[in-house]
């Protein structure tokens, strides 16, 4: 996430951008190598939320890929699909609660407030 923000702030004309891109690409590759074969249920990453879990990993991945025009790792798209399939629907409300997430449904860290950044709003 930090690399995406820096790349956007520096712009494409800044000399530091290639070094930043090499660093962030290597970090992203290392992250997804470490998470290879992991799922929402079978993982060392205990939480699903934005601040401490899968939603945050996915958001940071997507932001870097967007900022750098790097292809999104296939595993990230698989986890996004898996996470979207775990939504709890109550009327018009949507929420996600992982098996290890604290019951903080209205918080940004573990609750639905953080997930709102992961998916764009529906078209009008």
Protein backbone atom coordinates (compact mmCIF):
# COMPACT_ATOMS: atom_id res chain seq x y z
CA UNK A 1 0.00 0.00 0.00
CA UNK A 2 2.80 2.37 0.89
CA UNK A 3 4.56 1.71 -2.40
CA UNK A 4 1.36 2.44 -4.31
CA UNK A 5 0.92 5.76 -2.53
CA UNK A 6 4.56 6.70 -3.12
CA UNK A 7 4.43 5.74 -6.81
CA UNK A 8 1.31 7.85 -7.30
CA UNK A 9 2.84 10.78 -5.42
CA UNK A 10 6.14 10.60 -7.32
CA UNK A 11 4.58 10.22 -10.73
CA UNK A 12 6.14 8.43 -13.67
CA UNK A 13 8.78 11.11 -14.34
CA UNK A 14 10.59 10.78 -10.99
CA UNK A 15 13.97 8.97 -11.04
CA UNK A 16 13.18 7.07 -7.82
CA UNK A 17 10.21 5.28 -9.37
CA UNK A 18 12.16 2.38 -11.02
CA UNK A 19 13.84 1.51 -7.69
CA UNK A 20 10.52 1.71 -5.90
CA UNK A 21 8.93 -0.53 -8.54
CA UNK A 22 11.70 -3.14 -8.23
CA UNK A 23 11.32 -3.13 -4.44
CA UNK A 24 7.52 -3.32 -4.44
CA UNK A 25 7.38 -5.96 -7.18
CA UNK A 26 9.83 -8.13 -5.22
CA UNK A 27 7.83 -7.67 -2.00
CA UNK A 28 4.58 -8.51 -3.77
CA UNK A 29 6.08 -11.63 -5.35
CA UNK A 30 7.51 -12.70 -1.98
CA UNK A 31 4.20 -12.14 -0.24
CA UNK A 32 2.25 -14.26 -2.72
CA UNK A 33 4.95 -16.94 -2.70
CA UNK A 34 4.59 -17.10 1.08
CA UNK A 35 0.79 -17.27 0.77
CA UNK A 36 0.87 -19.86 -2.02
CA UNK A 37 -1.69 -22.58 -1.40
CA UNK A 38 -3.30 -20.66 1.46
CA UNK A 39 -7.07 -20.24 1.68
CA UNK A 40 -9.34 -18.31 4.00
CA UNK A 41 -9.75 -21.41 6.15
CA UNK A 42 -6.31 -22.99 5.92
CA UNK A 43 -3.80 -20.26 6.55
CA UNK A 44 -1.30 -18.76 8.91
CA UNK A 45 -3.03 -15.43 8.19
CA UNK A 46 -5.64 -15.70 10.93
CA UNK A 47 -7.95 -12.79 10.14
CA UNK A 48 -10.05 -11.71 7.18
CA UNK A 49 -10.33 -7.96 7.91
CA UNK A 50 -8.77 -4.92 6.30
CA UNK A 51 -6.25 -4.01 8.98
CA UNK A 52 -4.97 -7.44 9.97
CA UNK A 53 -6.10 -9.94 7.39
CA UNK A 54 -6.93 -11.06 3.89
CA UNK A 55 -8.93 -7.97 2.92
CA UNK A 56 -5.92 -5.77 3.68
CA UNK A 57 -3.51 -8.05 1.81
CA UNK A 58 -5.82 -7.99 -1.19
CA UNK A 59 -6.37 -4.23 -1.02
CA UNK A 60 -2.65 -3.52 -0.86
CA UNK A 61 -2.01 -5.95 -3.71
CA UNK A 62 -4.68 -4.40 -5.92
CA UNK A 63 -3.53 -0.84 -5.15
CA UNK A 64 0.09 -1.64 -6.09
CA UNK A 65 -0.97 -3.46 -9.23
CA UNK A 66 -3.13 -0.51 -10.24
CA UNK A 67 -0.44 2.09 -9.50
CA UNK A 68 2.29 0.15 -11.29
CA UNK A 69 0.19 -1.52 -14.03
CA UNK A 70 1.49 -4.85 -12.72
CA UNK A 71 -0.79 -7.83 -13.43
CA UNK A 72 -2.79 -8.97 -10.41
CA UNK A 73 -1.56 -12.34 -9.12
CA UNK A 74 -4.00 -15.15 -9.91
CA UNK A 75 -3.98 -16.24 -6.27
CA UNK A 76 -5.14 -12.77 -5.22
CA UNK A 77 -8.13 -13.01 -7.54
CA UNK A 78 -8.88 -16.48 -6.18
CA UNK A 79 -8.83 -15.19 -2.58
CA UNK A 80 -11.05 -12.25 -3.58
CA UNK A 81 -13.56 -14.68 -5.05
CA UNK A 82 -13.36 -16.83 -1.95
CA UNK A 83 -13.86 -13.81 0.31
CA UNK A 84 -16.76 -12.45 -1.73
CA UNK A 85 -18.45 -15.84 -1.41
CA UNK A 86 -18.33 -15.58 2.39
CA UNK A 87 -20.48 -12.46 2.63
CA UNK A 88 -23.30 -12.55 5.18
CA UNK A 89 -26.49 -10.95 3.90
CA UNK A 90 -29.09 -9.52 6.27
CA UNK A 91 -31.61 -7.54 4.25
CA UNK A 92 -29.52 -4.92 2.46
CA UNK A 93 -26.64 -5.22 4.94
CA UNK A 94 -23.49 -7.11 4.00
CA UNK A 95 -20.80 -8.22 6.43
CA UNK A 96 -17.85 -10.56 6.76
CA UNK A 97 -16.74 -12.30 9.92
CA UNK A 98 -13.86 -14.72 9.79
CA UNK A 99 -13.62 -17.58 12.28
CA UNK A 100 -10.87 -15.79 14.22
CA UNK A 101 -12.04 -12.20 13.77
CA UNK A 102 -13.18 -10.39 16.92
CA UNK A 103 -16.86 -9.44 16.91
CA UNK A 104 -16.28 -5.85 15.80
CA UNK A 105 -18.75 -5.73 12.92
CA UNK A 106 -18.78 -1.94 12.72
CA UNK A 107 -15.03 -1.43 12.99
CA UNK A 108 -12.62 -0.68 10.17
CA UNK A 109 -10.02 -3.25 11.31
CA UNK A 110 -12.14 -6.39 11.29
CA UNK A 111 -15.58 -5.22 10.25
CA UNK A 112 -17.53 -4.31 7.19
CA UNK A 113 -16.32 -0.70 7.19
CA UNK A 114 -12.90 -1.88 6.01
CA UNK A 115 -14.31 -4.18 3.35
CA UNK A 116 -16.10 -1.29 1.64
CA UNK A 117 -12.74 -0.23 0.17
CA UNK A 118 -12.14 -3.61 -1.40
CA UNK A 119 -15.07 -3.49 -3.82
CA UNK A 120 -16.32 -0.48 -5.79
CA UNK A 121 -19.87 0.71 -5.16
CA UNK A 122 -22.57 -0.65 -7.48
CA UNK A 123 -23.32 1.50 -10.55
CA UNK A 124 -26.26 3.89 -10.30
